[in-house]
PDB file of N, CA and C in Angstrom:
ATOM      1  N   UNK A   1      51.198  48.435 -86.020  1.00  0.00           N
ATOM      2  CA  UNK A   1      52.437  47.649 -86.648  1.00  0.00           C
ATOM      3  C   UNK A   1      51.636  45.447 -87.500  1.00  0.00           C
ATOM      4  N   UNK A   2      51.096  44.722 -86.047  1.00  0.00           N
ATOM      5  CA  UNK A   2      50.650  43.912 -86.101  1.00  0.00           C
ATOM      6  C   UNK A   2      49.664  44.020 -86.117  1.00  0.00           C
ATOM      7  N   UNK A   3      48.803  44.034 -87.537  1.00  0.00           N
ATOM      8  CA  UNK A   3      47.044  43.878 -87.175  1.00  0.00           C
ATOM      9  C   UNK A   3      46.420  42.605 -86.615  1.00  0.00           C
ATOM     10  N   UNK A   4      46.337  41.351 -86.832  1.00  0.00           N
ATOM     11  CA  UNK A   4      46.723  41.005 -86.211  1.00  0.00           C
ATOM     12  C   UNK A   4      46.912  39.905 -84.500  1.00  0.00           C
ATOM     13  N   UNK A   5      47.100  40.877 -84.148  1.00  0.00           N
ATOM     14  CA  UNK A   5      47.770  40.446 -82.387  1.00  0.00           C
ATOM     15  C   UNK A   5      46.312  41.342 -81.583  1.00  0.00           C
ATOM     16  N   UNK A   6      46.200  41.110 -81.151  1.00  0.00           N
ATOM     17  CA  UNK A   6      45.541  41.569 -79.952  1.00  0.00           C
ATOM     18  C   UNK A   6      45.842  43.239 -79.508  1.00  0.00           C
ATOM     19  N   UNK A   7      45.195  44.386 -79.436  1.00  0.00           N
ATOM     20  CA  UNK A   7      45.314  45.938 -79.393  1.00  0.00           C
ATOM     21  C   UNK A   7      46.393  46.394 -80.070  1.00  0.00           C
ATOM     22  N   UNK A   8      46.479  45.670 -81.493  1.00  0.00           N
ATOM     23  CA  UNK A   8      47.426  46.637 -82.373  1.00  0.00           C
ATOM     24  C   UNK A   8      45.586  46.942 -83.085  1.00  0.00           C
ATOM     25  N   UNK A   9      46.991  47.922 -84.100  1.00  0.00           N
ATOM     26  CA  UNK A   9      45.686  48.766 -85.262  1.00  0.00           C
ATOM     27  C   UNK A   9      46.478  49.002 -86.442  1.00  0.00           C
ATOM     28  N   UNK A  10      45.500  48.924 -87.630  1.00  0.00           N
ATOM     29  CA  UNK A  10      46.367  49.260 -88.865  1.00  0.00           C
ATOM     30  C   UNK A  10      47.373  50.989 -88.708  1.00  0.00           C
ATOM     31  N   UNK A  11      48.370  50.992 -89.123  1.00  0.00           N
ATOM     32  CA  UNK A  11      48.706  52.003 -89.615  1.00  0.00           C
ATOM     33  C   UNK A  11      48.314  52.961 -90.782  1.00  0.00           C
ATOM     34  N   UNK A  12      48.508  53.958 -90.711  1.00  0.00           N
ATOM     35  CA  UNK A  12      48.080  54.755 -91.500  1.00  0.00           C
ATOM     36  C   UNK A  12      48.921  54.979 -92.748  1.00  0.00           C
ATOM     37  N   UNK A  13      47.562  54.998 -93.672  1.00  0.00           N
ATOM     38  CA  UNK A  13      48.811  54.975 -95.304  1.00  0.00           C
ATOM     39  C   UNK A  13      49.505  56.084 -95.458  1.00  0.00           C
ATOM     40  N   UNK A  14      49.616  57.075 -95.083  1.00  0.00           N
ATOM     41  CA  UNK A  14      51.049  57.890 -95.000  1.00  0.00           C
ATOM     42  C   UNK A  14      51.759  57.692 -94.472  1.00  0.00           C
ATOM     43  N   UNK A  15      51.770  57.160 -93.211  1.00  0.00           N
ATOM     44  CA  UNK A  15      52.882  56.817 -92.008  1.00  0.00           C
ATOM     45  C   UNK A  15      53.670  55.039 -92.706  1.00  0.00           C
ATOM     46  N   UNK A  16      52.701  54.652 -93.280  1.00  0.00           N
ATOM     47  CA  UNK A  16      52.238  53.536 -93.995  1.00  0.00           C
ATOM     48  C   UNK A  16      54.094  53.198 -95.402  1.00  0.00           C
ATOM     49  N   UNK A  17      54.101  54.483 -95.737  1.00  0.00           N
ATOM     50  CA  UNK A  17      54.965  55.386 -96.749  1.00  0.00           C
ATOM     51  C   UNK A  17      56.363  55.421 -96.815  1.00  0.00           C
ATOM     52  N   UNK A  18      56.591  56.197 -95.579  1.00  0.00           N
ATOM     53  CA  UNK A  18      57.649  55.446 -94.695  1.00  0.00           C
ATOM     54  C   UNK A  18      58.037  54.832 -94.736  1.00  0.00           C
ATOM     55  N   UNK A  19      58.534  53.529 -94.780  1.00  0.00           N
ATOM     56  CA  UNK A  19      58.965  52.476 -94.416  1.00  0.00           C
ATOM     57  C   UNK A  19      59.001  51.845 -95.246  1.00  0.00           C
ATOM     58  N   UNK A  20      60.307  51.098 -95.151  1.00  0.00           N
ATOM     59  CA  UNK A  20      60.344  49.632 -96.635  1.00  0.00           C
ATOM     60  C   UNK A  20      59.377  48.596 -95.589  1.00  0.00           C
ATOM     61  N   UNK A  21      59.608  47.710 -97.420  1.00  0.00           N
ATOM     62  CA  UNK A  21      59.012  46.181 -96.357  1.00  0.00           C
ATOM     63  C   UNK A  21      59.643  45.855 -96.534  1.00  0.00           C
ATOM     64  N   UNK A  22      59.750  44.034 -96.008  1.00  0.00           N
ATOM     65  CA  UNK A  22      60.955  43.113 -96.104  1.00  0.00           C
ATOM     66  C   UNK A  22      59.643  41.654 -95.518  1.00  0.00           C
ATOM     67  N   UNK A  23      60.393  40.520 -95.838  1.00  0.00           N
ATOM     68  CA  UNK A  23      59.342  39.978 -96.098  1.00  0.00           C
ATOM     69  C   UNK A  23      59.841  38.761 -94.946  1.00  0.00           C
ATOM     70  N   UNK A  24      59.733  38.685 -93.780  1.00  0.00           N
ATOM     71  CA  UNK A  24      59.078  37.381 -92.362  1.00  0.00           C
ATOM     72  C   UNK A  24      59.562  36.196 -92.921  1.00  0.00           C
ATOM     73  N   UNK A  25      59.685  35.829 -92.471  1.00  0.00           N
ATOM     74  CA  UNK A  25      59.782  34.150 -92.317  1.00  0.00           C
ATOM     75  C   UNK A  25      59.519  33.210 -90.293  1.00  0.00           C
ATOM     76  N   UNK A  26      59.072  32.091 -90.309  1.00  0.00           N
ATOM     77  CA  UNK A  26      58.716  31.763 -89.170  1.00  0.00           C
ATOM     78  C   UNK A  26      60.363  31.439 -88.468  1.00  0.00           C
ATOM     79  N   UNK A  27      60.532  31.247 -87.173  1.00  0.00           N
ATOM     80  CA  UNK A  27      61.199  31.302 -86.439  1.00  0.00           C
ATOM     81  C   UNK A  27      61.211  29.661 -85.697  1.00  0.00           C
ATOM     82  N   UNK A  28      62.486  28.859 -86.110  1.00  0.00           N
ATOM     83  CA  UNK A  28      62.878  27.869 -86.299  1.00  0.00           C
ATOM     84  C   UNK A  28      62.069  27.270 -84.706  1.00  0.00           C
ATOM     85  N   UNK A  29      60.997  27.324 -84.409  1.00  0.00           N
ATOM     86  CA  UNK A  29      60.563  26.775 -82.921  1.00  0.00           C
ATOM     87  C   UNK A  29      61.720  26.109 -82.223  1.00  0.00           C
ATOM     88  N   UNK A  30      62.008  24.551 -82.729  1.00  0.00           N
ATOM     89  CA  UNK A  30      63.035  23.203 -81.703  1.00  0.00           C
ATOM     90  C   UNK A  30      64.099  24.205 -81.787  1.00  0.00           C
ATOM     91  N   UNK A  31      65.059  25.610 -82.377  1.00  0.00           N
ATOM     92  CA  UNK A  31      66.182  25.484 -82.337  1.00  0.00           C
ATOM     93  C   UNK A  31      65.992  27.246 -81.042  1.00  0.00           C
ATOM     94  N   UNK A  32      65.185  27.561 -81.175  1.00  0.00           N
ATOM     95  CA  UNK A  32      65.009  28.032 -79.773  1.00  0.00           C
ATOM     96  C   UNK A  32      64.256  27.629 -78.769  1.00  0.00           C
ATOM     97  N   UNK A  33      63.595  26.854 -78.948  1.00  0.00           N
ATOM     98  CA  UNK A  33      63.559  25.942 -77.372  1.00  0.00           C
ATOM     99  C   UNK A  33      64.557  25.296 -77.146  1.00  0.00           C
ATOM    100  N   UNK A  34      65.131  24.571 -78.435  1.00  0.00           N
ATOM    101  CA  UNK A  34      66.326  23.453 -77.237  1.00  0.00           C
ATOM    102  C   UNK A  34      67.681  24.929 -76.632  1.00  0.00           C
ATOM    103  N   UNK A  35      67.774  26.778 -77.570  1.00  0.00           N
ATOM    104  CA  UNK A  35      68.958  27.093 -76.936  1.00  0.00           C
ATOM    105  C   UNK A  35      68.266  27.797 -75.551  1.00  0.00           C
ATOM    106  N   UNK A  36      67.001  27.869 -75.061  1.00  0.00           N
ATOM    107  CA  UNK A  36      66.242  28.280 -74.128  1.00  0.00           C
ATOM    108  C   UNK A  36      66.830  27.066 -72.784  1.00  0.00           C
ATOM    109  N   UNK A  37      66.369  26.300 -72.942  1.00  0.00           N
ATOM    110  CA  UNK A  37      66.423  25.174 -72.838  1.00  0.00           C
ATOM    111  C   UNK A  37      68.050  24.782 -71.725  1.00  0.00           C
ATOM    112  N   UNK A  38      69.223  25.082 -72.892  1.00  0.00           N
ATOM    113  CA  UNK A  38      70.269  24.999 -73.368  1.00  0.00           C
ATOM    114  C   UNK A  38      71.226  25.946 -72.297  1.00  0.00           C
ATOM    115  N   UNK A  39      70.267  27.350 -71.972  1.00  0.00           N
ATOM    116  CA  UNK A  39      70.203  28.603 -71.131  1.00  0.00           C
ATOM    117  C   UNK A  39      70.103  27.748 -70.027  1.00  0.00           C
ATOM    118  N   UNK A  40      69.173  27.623 -69.482  1.00  0.00           N
ATOM    119  CA  UNK A  40      68.762  26.712 -68.315  1.00  0.00           C
ATOM    120  C   UNK A  40      69.331  25.843 -67.567  1.00  0.00           C
ATOM    121  N   UNK A  41      70.084  25.330 -68.109  1.00  0.00           N
ATOM    122  CA  UNK A  41      70.615  24.478 -67.250  1.00  0.00           C
ATOM    123  C   UNK A  41      70.846  22.837 -68.043  1.00  0.00           C
ATOM    124  N   UNK A  42      69.213  22.450 -68.451  1.00  0.00           N
ATOM    125  CA  UNK A  42      68.911  21.103 -69.137  1.00  0.00           C
ATOM    126  C   UNK A  42      69.652  20.435 -69.887  1.00  0.00           C
ATOM    127  N   UNK A  43      70.168  19.232 -68.812  1.00  0.00           N
ATOM    128  CA  UNK A  43      71.199  18.454 -69.848  1.00  0.00           C
ATOM    129  C   UNK A  43      70.777  17.211 -71.296  1.00  0.00           C
ATOM    130  N   UNK A  44      69.487  17.658 -71.161  1.00  0.00           N
ATOM    131  CA  UNK A  44      68.651  16.221 -72.779  1.00  0.00           C
ATOM    132  C   UNK A  44      68.023  17.894 -72.826  1.00  0.00           C
ATOM    133  N   UNK A  45      68.313  18.915 -73.853  1.00  0.00           N
ATOM    134  CA  UNK A  45      67.550  20.281 -73.792  1.00  0.00           C
ATOM    135  C   UNK A  45      67.824  19.402 -75.602  1.00  0.00           C
ATOM    136  N   UNK A  46      68.047  18.620 -76.721  1.00  0.00           N
ATOM    137  CA  UNK A  46      67.490  18.758 -77.689  1.00  0.00           C
ATOM    138  C   UNK A  46      66.477  17.469 -78.011  1.00  0.00           C
ATOM    139  N   UNK A  47      66.142  17.173 -76.983  1.00  0.00           N
ATOM    140  CA  UNK A  47      65.349  15.346 -76.930  1.00  0.00           C
ATOM    141  C   UNK A  47      64.847  16.434 -76.595  1.00  0.00           C
ATOM    142  N   UNK A  48      64.405  16.780 -75.641  1.00  0.00           N
ATOM    143  CA  UNK A  48      63.106  17.621 -74.707  1.00  0.00           C
ATOM    144  C   UNK A  48      62.543  18.515 -76.116  1.00  0.00           C
ATOM    145  N   UNK A  49      63.495  19.329 -76.262  1.00  0.00           N
ATOM    146  CA  UNK A  49      63.361  20.608 -77.622  1.00  0.00           C
ATOM    147  C   UNK A  49      62.209  19.861 -79.211  1.00  0.00           C
ATOM    148  N   UNK A  50      62.399  18.037 -79.162  1.00  0.00           N
ATOM    149  CA  UNK A  50      61.790  17.317 -80.057  1.00  0.00           C
ATOM    150  C   UNK A  50      60.447  17.587 -79.034  1.00  0.00           C
ATOM    151  N   UNK A  51      60.619  17.007 -77.244  1.00  0.00           N
ATOM    152  CA  UNK A  51      58.871  16.355 -77.830  1.00  0.00           C
ATOM    153  C   UNK A  51      57.893  17.924 -77.037  1.00  0.00           C
ATOM    154  N   UNK A  52      58.985  19.143 -76.855  1.00  0.00           N
ATOM    155  CA  UNK A  52      57.642  19.926 -76.254  1.00  0.00           C
ATOM    156  C   UNK A  52      57.547  20.616 -77.727  1.00  0.00           C
ATOM    157  N   UNK A  53      58.431  20.619 -79.004  1.00  0.00           N
ATOM    158  CA  UNK A  53      57.662  21.453 -80.350  1.00  0.00           C
ATOM    159  C   UNK A  53      56.870  20.400 -80.851  1.00  0.00           C
ATOM    160  N   UNK A  54      56.822  19.404 -80.391  1.00  0.00           N
ATOM    161  CA  UNK A  54      56.037  18.122 -80.844  1.00  0.00           C
ATOM    162  C   UNK A  54      54.855  17.937 -80.065  1.00  0.00           C
ATOM    163  N   UNK A  55      54.961  18.727 -79.104  1.00  0.00           N
ATOM    164  CA  UNK A  55      53.467  19.220 -79.014  1.00  0.00           C
ATOM    165  C   UNK A  55      52.614  19.816 -78.543  1.00  0.00           C
ATOM    166  N   UNK A  56      53.648  20.198 -79.060  1.00  0.00           N
ATOM    167  CA  UNK A  56      53.545  22.351 -79.713  1.00  0.00           C
ATOM    168  C   UNK A  56      51.944  22.308 -80.672  1.00  0.00           C
ATOM    169  N   UNK A  57      53.197  21.111 -81.946  1.00  0.00           N
ATOM    170  CA  UNK A  57      52.643  21.082 -83.152  1.00  0.00           C
ATOM    171  C   UNK A  57      51.378  21.074 -83.787  1.00  0.00           C
ATOM    172  N   UNK A  58      51.069  19.787 -82.618  1.00  0.00           N
ATOM    173  CA  UNK A  58      49.669  18.843 -82.357  1.00  0.00           C
ATOM    174  C   UNK A  58      48.825  19.420 -82.415  1.00  0.00           C
ATOM    175  N   UNK A  59      49.307  20.021 -80.249  1.00  0.00           N
ATOM    176  CA  UNK A  59      47.947  20.998 -80.524  1.00  0.00           C
ATOM    177  C   UNK A  59      47.413  22.125 -81.506  1.00  0.00           C
ATOM    178  N   UNK A  60      48.709  22.606 -81.985  1.00  0.00           N
ATOM    179  CA  UNK A  60      47.586  24.061 -82.467  1.00  0.00           C
ATOM    180  C   UNK A  60      47.184  23.054 -83.777  1.00  0.00           C
ATOM    181  N   UNK A  61      47.708  21.725 -84.548  1.00  0.00           N
ATOM    182  CA  UNK A  61      46.428  20.883 -85.544  1.00  0.00           C
ATOM    183  C   UNK A  61      45.049  20.782 -85.016  1.00  0.00           C
ATOM    184  N   UNK A  62      45.452  20.016 -83.930  1.00  0.00           N
ATOM    185  CA  UNK A  62      44.835  18.845 -83.497  1.00  0.00           C
ATOM    186  C   UNK A  62      42.901  19.996 -82.721  1.00  0.00           C
ATOM    187  N   UNK A  63      44.056  20.993 -81.981  1.00  0.00           N
ATOM    188  CA  UNK A  63      42.654  21.609 -81.015  1.00  0.00           C
ATOM    189  C   UNK A  63      41.899  22.651 -81.610  1.00  0.00           C
ATOM    190  N   UNK A  64      40.945  22.851 -81.172  1.00  0.00           N
ATOM    191  CA  UNK A  64      39.821  23.742 -82.185  1.00  0.00           C
ATOM    192  C   UNK A  64      41.281  25.733 -82.382  1.00  0.00           C
ATOM    193  N   UNK A  65      39.704  25.822 -83.563  1.00  0.00           N
ATOM    194  CA  UNK A  65      40.629  27.665 -83.829  1.00  0.00           C
ATOM    195  C   UNK A  65      40.503  28.532 -83.240  1.00  0.00           C
ATOM    196  N   UNK A  66      40.339  28.803 -81.914  1.00  0.00           N
ATOM    197  CA  UNK A  66      39.743  29.432 -81.085  1.00  0.00           C
ATOM    198  C   UNK A  66      41.063  30.613 -80.570  1.00  0.00           C
ATOM    199  N   UNK A  67      40.380  31.948 -81.100  1.00  0.00           N
ATOM    200  CA  UNK A  67      41.032  33.236 -80.713  1.00  0.00           C
ATOM    201  C   UNK A  67      41.917  33.338 -79.075  1.00  0.00           C
ATOM    202  N   UNK A  68      41.560  32.518 -78.423  1.00  0.00           N
ATOM    203  CA  UNK A  68      42.121  32.311 -77.378  1.00  0.00           C
ATOM    204  C   UNK A  68      43.337  31.192 -77.054  1.00  0.00           C
ATOM    205  N   UNK A  69      43.726  30.873 -78.374  1.00  0.00           N
ATOM    206  CA  UNK A  69      44.533  29.720 -78.204  1.00  0.00           C
ATOM    207  C   UNK A  69      46.186  29.935 -78.964  1.00  0.00           C
ATOM    208  N   UNK A  70      46.980  30.620 -78.039  1.00  0.00           N
ATOM    209  CA  UNK A  70      47.966  31.362 -79.007  1.00  0.00           C
ATOM    210  C   UNK A  70      49.845  30.337 -78.735  1.00  0.00           C
ATOM    211  N   UNK A  71      49.781  29.932 -79.994  1.00  0.00           N
ATOM    212  CA  UNK A  71      51.110  29.221 -80.390  1.00  0.00           C
ATOM    213  C   UNK A  71      51.895  29.365 -80.715  1.00  0.00           C
ATOM    214  N   UNK A  72      52.018  31.055 -80.933  1.00  0.00           N
ATOM    215  CA  UNK A  72      53.292  31.604 -81.514  1.00  0.00           C
ATOM    216  C   UNK A  72      54.107  31.569 -79.972  1.00  0.00           C
ATOM    217  N   UNK A  73      55.338  32.028 -80.717  1.00  0.00           N
ATOM    218  CA  UNK A  73      56.877  32.124 -79.981  1.00  0.00           C
ATOM    219  C   UNK A  73      56.746  33.496 -79.396  1.00  0.00           C
ATOM    220  N   UNK A  74      55.467  33.478 -78.301  1.00  0.00           N
ATOM    221  CA  UNK A  74      55.870  34.598 -76.536  1.00  0.00           C
ATOM    222  C   UNK A  74      55.020  33.292 -76.041  1.00  0.00           C
ATOM    223  N   UNK A  75      53.959  32.471 -76.594  1.00  0.00           N
ATOM    224  CA  UNK A  75      53.820  31.640 -75.435  1.00  0.00           C
ATOM    225  C   UNK A  75      54.642  30.354 -75.270  1.00  0.00           C
ATOM    226  N   UNK A  76      55.867  29.833 -76.185  1.00  0.00           N
ATOM    227  CA  UNK A  76      55.810  29.546 -75.937  1.00  0.00           C
ATOM    228  C   UNK A  76      57.833  29.350 -75.065  1.00  0.00           C
ATOM    229  N   UNK A  77      58.197  30.386 -75.301  1.00  0.00           N
ATOM    230  CA  UNK A  77      58.468  31.222 -74.185  1.00  0.00           C
ATOM    231  C   UNK A  77      58.180  31.640 -73.132  1.00  0.00           C
ATOM    232  N   UNK A  78      56.797  31.785 -73.003  1.00  0.00           N
ATOM    233  CA  UNK A  78      56.763  31.799 -71.187  1.00  0.00           C
ATOM    234  C   UNK A  78      56.539  30.576 -71.111  1.00  0.00           C
ATOM    235  N   UNK A  79      55.642  29.541 -70.936  1.00  0.00           N
ATOM    236  CA  UNK A  79      56.312  28.404 -71.643  1.00  0.00           C
ATOM    237  C   UNK A  79      57.506  27.784 -70.037  1.00  0.00           C
ATOM    238  N   UNK A  80      58.258  27.240 -71.205  1.00  0.00           N
ATOM    239  CA  UNK A  80      60.128  27.238 -71.450  1.00  0.00           C
ATOM    240  C   UNK A  80      60.547  28.037 -69.722  1.00  0.00           C
ATOM    241  N   UNK A  81      60.294  29.667 -69.737  1.00  0.00           N
ATOM    242  CA  UNK A  81      60.711  30.162 -69.026  1.00  0.00           C
ATOM    243  C   UNK A  81      59.882  29.929 -67.637  1.00  0.00           C
ATOM    244  N   UNK A  82      58.754  29.270 -67.513  1.00  0.00           N
ATOM    245  CA  UNK A  82      58.775  28.578 -65.851  1.00  0.00           C
ATOM    246  C   UNK A  82      58.723  27.164 -65.846  1.00  0.00           C
ATOM    247  N   UNK A  83      59.714  26.428 -67.166  1.00  0.00           N
ATOM    248  CA  UNK A  83      60.053  25.226 -66.817  1.00  0.00           C
ATOM    249  C   UNK A  83      61.883  25.280 -66.069  1.00  0.00           C
TER     250      UNK A  83
END
């Protein structure tokens, strides 16, 4: 289902025919980060989410494009969970 992700394989054509296609969009990372920080009790969640989002955007743009760098929602959520 998600062939670009590690450990996933492409679905066979006979199974693909059984599913409907749907459009996907990128999640609003800043809003998700703000809500996660608010849920943990941070008073300045909006300012922190802007800073964190800027850090992740700059890191993903400036660091080399290697497969072990993961700038997706899973890594954002795991970093915020530790915070």
